[in-house]
Amino acid sequence: MRESEKAALINQYIESYNAFNIQAMLSLFDESIVFENEGNGEVNVRVEGKQEFENLAKESAKLFRQRKQTVTNLIVNGTTAQINIDYLGVLAVDLPNGMKVGDELTIQGKSYFEFKNEKISYIKDIS
């Protein structure tokens, strides 16, 4: 799999994420997809397989009325890739941390990707 194909998969994933198109995201994944989210140095979410990812994605989508990841840097290196992102989300629900419906959540972070069988097999979001 060429670097340009890996970059294209990542860009399709970001576009699908921003559009809340979970089925399009799932089509880009290997069956054994692993997704992890790390915040403050700890992995706080980990799912394995398309079904677990789909369940998480559906629940996460309910939190936002709008969301956008903007890739600020993309590096493909062999079997892995890394992106830097600027994230903006507009809440659709009140959160336990005191944020309210309509509040904007902005984060800068990184995502790491691995590939298998011409698909994305691993994603780790770090913020």
Protein backbone atom coordinates (compact mmCIF):
# COMPACT_ATOMS: atom_id res chain seq x y z
CA MET A 1 0.00 0.00 0.00
CA ARG A 2 1.52 3.30 -1.10
CA GLU A 3 1.85 6.33 1.16
CA SER A 4 -0.62 8.26 -1.02
CA GLU A 5 -3.23 5.51 -0.50
CA LYS A 6 -2.75 5.66 3.28
CA ALA A 7 -3.09 9.45 3.22
CA ALA A 8 -6.27 9.11 1.14
CA LEU A 9 -7.76 6.64 3.66
CA ILE A 10 -7.03 9.05 6.51
CA ASN A 11 -8.57 11.97 4.63
CA GLN A 12 -11.69 9.91 3.84
CA TYR A 13 -11.92 8.96 7.53
CA ILE A 14 -11.72 12.64 8.61
CA GLU A 15 -14.32 13.68 6.01
CA SER A 16 -16.67 10.89 7.14
CA TYR A 17 -16.13 11.78 10.80
CA ASN A 18 -16.90 15.46 10.19
CA ALA A 19 -20.07 14.49 8.28
CA PHE A 20 -21.24 12.08 11.04
CA ASN A 21 -21.18 9.33 8.38
CA ILE A 22 -20.47 6.29 10.55
CA GLN A 23 -21.09 3.74 7.77
CA ALA A 24 -18.52 5.46 5.54
CA MET A 25 -16.00 5.40 8.40
CA LEU A 26 -16.61 1.69 8.99
CA SER A 27 -15.99 0.93 5.30
CA LEU A 28 -12.41 2.20 5.71
CA PHE A 29 -11.58 -0.16 8.59
CA ASP A 30 -10.13 -3.64 8.81
CA GLU A 31 -12.51 -6.01 10.66
CA SER A 32 -10.10 -6.07 13.63
CA ILE A 33 -9.97 -2.25 14.00
CA VAL A 34 -8.70 -1.07 17.39
CA PHE A 35 -9.52 2.47 18.53
CA GLU A 36 -8.03 4.12 21.59
CA ASN A 37 -8.50 7.58 23.04
CA GLU A 38 -5.86 8.98 25.37
CA GLY A 39 -6.29 12.05 27.52
CA ASN A 40 -3.90 13.35 30.15
CA GLY A 41 -1.54 10.45 29.51
CA GLU A 42 -4.12 7.70 30.15
CA VAL A 43 -6.09 5.55 27.72
CA ASN A 44 -9.70 6.25 28.70
CA VAL A 45 -11.47 4.49 25.82
CA ARG A 46 -10.54 1.32 23.92
CA VAL A 47 -12.74 -0.63 21.51
CA GLU A 48 -11.92 -3.62 19.31
CA GLY A 49 -13.71 -4.62 16.12
CA LYS A 50 -16.13 -2.83 13.83
CA GLN A 51 -19.20 -3.48 15.99
CA GLU A 52 -17.67 -1.98 19.13
CA PHE A 53 -16.38 0.98 17.11
CA GLU A 54 -19.82 1.53 15.56
CA ASN A 55 -21.47 1.51 18.99
CA LEU A 56 -18.94 4.04 20.32
CA ALA A 57 -19.25 6.25 17.24
CA LYS A 58 -23.06 6.35 17.50
CA GLU A 59 -22.91 7.31 21.18
CA SER A 60 -20.20 9.93 20.57
CA ALA A 61 -22.12 11.47 17.67
CA LYS A 62 -25.06 12.20 20.00
CA LEU A 63 -22.87 14.57 22.05
CA PHE A 64 -22.32 17.05 19.21
CA ARG A 65 -24.56 19.02 16.90
CA GLN A 66 -21.49 19.93 14.87
CA ARG A 67 -17.89 18.73 14.86
CA LYS A 68 -14.89 19.26 12.67
CA GLN A 69 -11.40 17.82 12.68
CA THR A 70 -8.96 19.84 10.60
CA VAL A 71 -5.70 18.11 9.71
CA THR A 72 -2.79 20.51 10.23
CA ASN A 73 -0.01 17.99 9.47
CA LEU A 74 0.11 14.47 7.99
CA ILE A 75 3.15 12.20 8.07
CA VAL A 76 3.09 8.68 6.60
CA ASN A 77 6.03 6.51 7.65
CA GLY A 78 6.01 2.93 6.40
CA THR A 79 3.13 1.05 8.04
CA THR A 80 2.09 3.95 10.29
CA ALA A 81 0.87 7.52 9.97
CA GLN A 82 0.41 10.48 12.27
CA ILE A 83 -1.76 13.55 11.94
CA ASN A 84 -1.98 16.70 13.98
CA ILE A 85 -5.51 18.04 14.27
CA ASP A 86 -7.44 21.06 15.38
CA TYR A 87 -10.81 19.95 16.72
CA LEU A 88 -13.95 22.03 17.11
CA GLY A 89 -17.18 20.58 18.43
CA VAL A 90 -20.47 22.26 19.30
CA LEU A 91 -22.26 20.40 22.09
CA ALA A 92 -25.73 18.94 21.59
CA VAL A 93 -26.07 17.98 25.27
CA ASP A 94 -24.99 19.26 28.68
CA LEU A 95 -21.86 17.51 29.97
CA PRO A 96 -21.06 16.51 33.56
CA ASN A 97 -18.03 18.85 33.52
CA GLY A 98 -20.32 21.89 33.37
CA MET A 99 -20.23 22.51 29.62
CA LYS A 100 -23.68 23.25 28.19
CA VAL A 101 -25.60 22.71 24.96
CA GLY A 102 -24.22 25.06 22.31
CA ASP A 103 -20.82 25.47 24.00
CA GLU A 104 -17.81 25.05 21.73
CA LEU A 105 -15.15 22.51 22.60
CA THR A 106 -11.77 23.18 20.99
CA ILE A 107 -8.84 20.80 21.27
CA GLN A 108 -5.52 20.31 19.55
CA GLY A 109 -4.37 16.74 19.35
CA LYS A 110 -2.69 13.97 17.42
CA SER A 111 -3.93 10.75 15.91
CA TYR A 112 -1.85 7.70 15.06
CA PHE A 113 -2.89 5.17 12.42
CA GLU A 114 -1.80 1.68 11.40
CA PHE A 115 -2.90 -0.24 8.31
CA LYS A 116 -3.65 -3.84 7.39
CA ASN A 117 -5.32 -5.42 4.33
CA GLU A 118 -5.52 -2.04 2.53
CA LYS A 119 -7.62 -0.66 5.43
CA ILE A 120 -7.13 1.27 8.68
CA SER A 121 -6.48 -1.25 11.47
CA TYR A 122 -5.61 1.01 14.41
CA ILE A 123 -6.37 4.56 15.51
CA LYS A 124 -5.17 6.28 18.66
CA ASP A 125 -6.40 9.81 19.39
CA ILE A 126 -4.34 11.81 21.89
CA SER A 127 -5.40 15.13 23.34
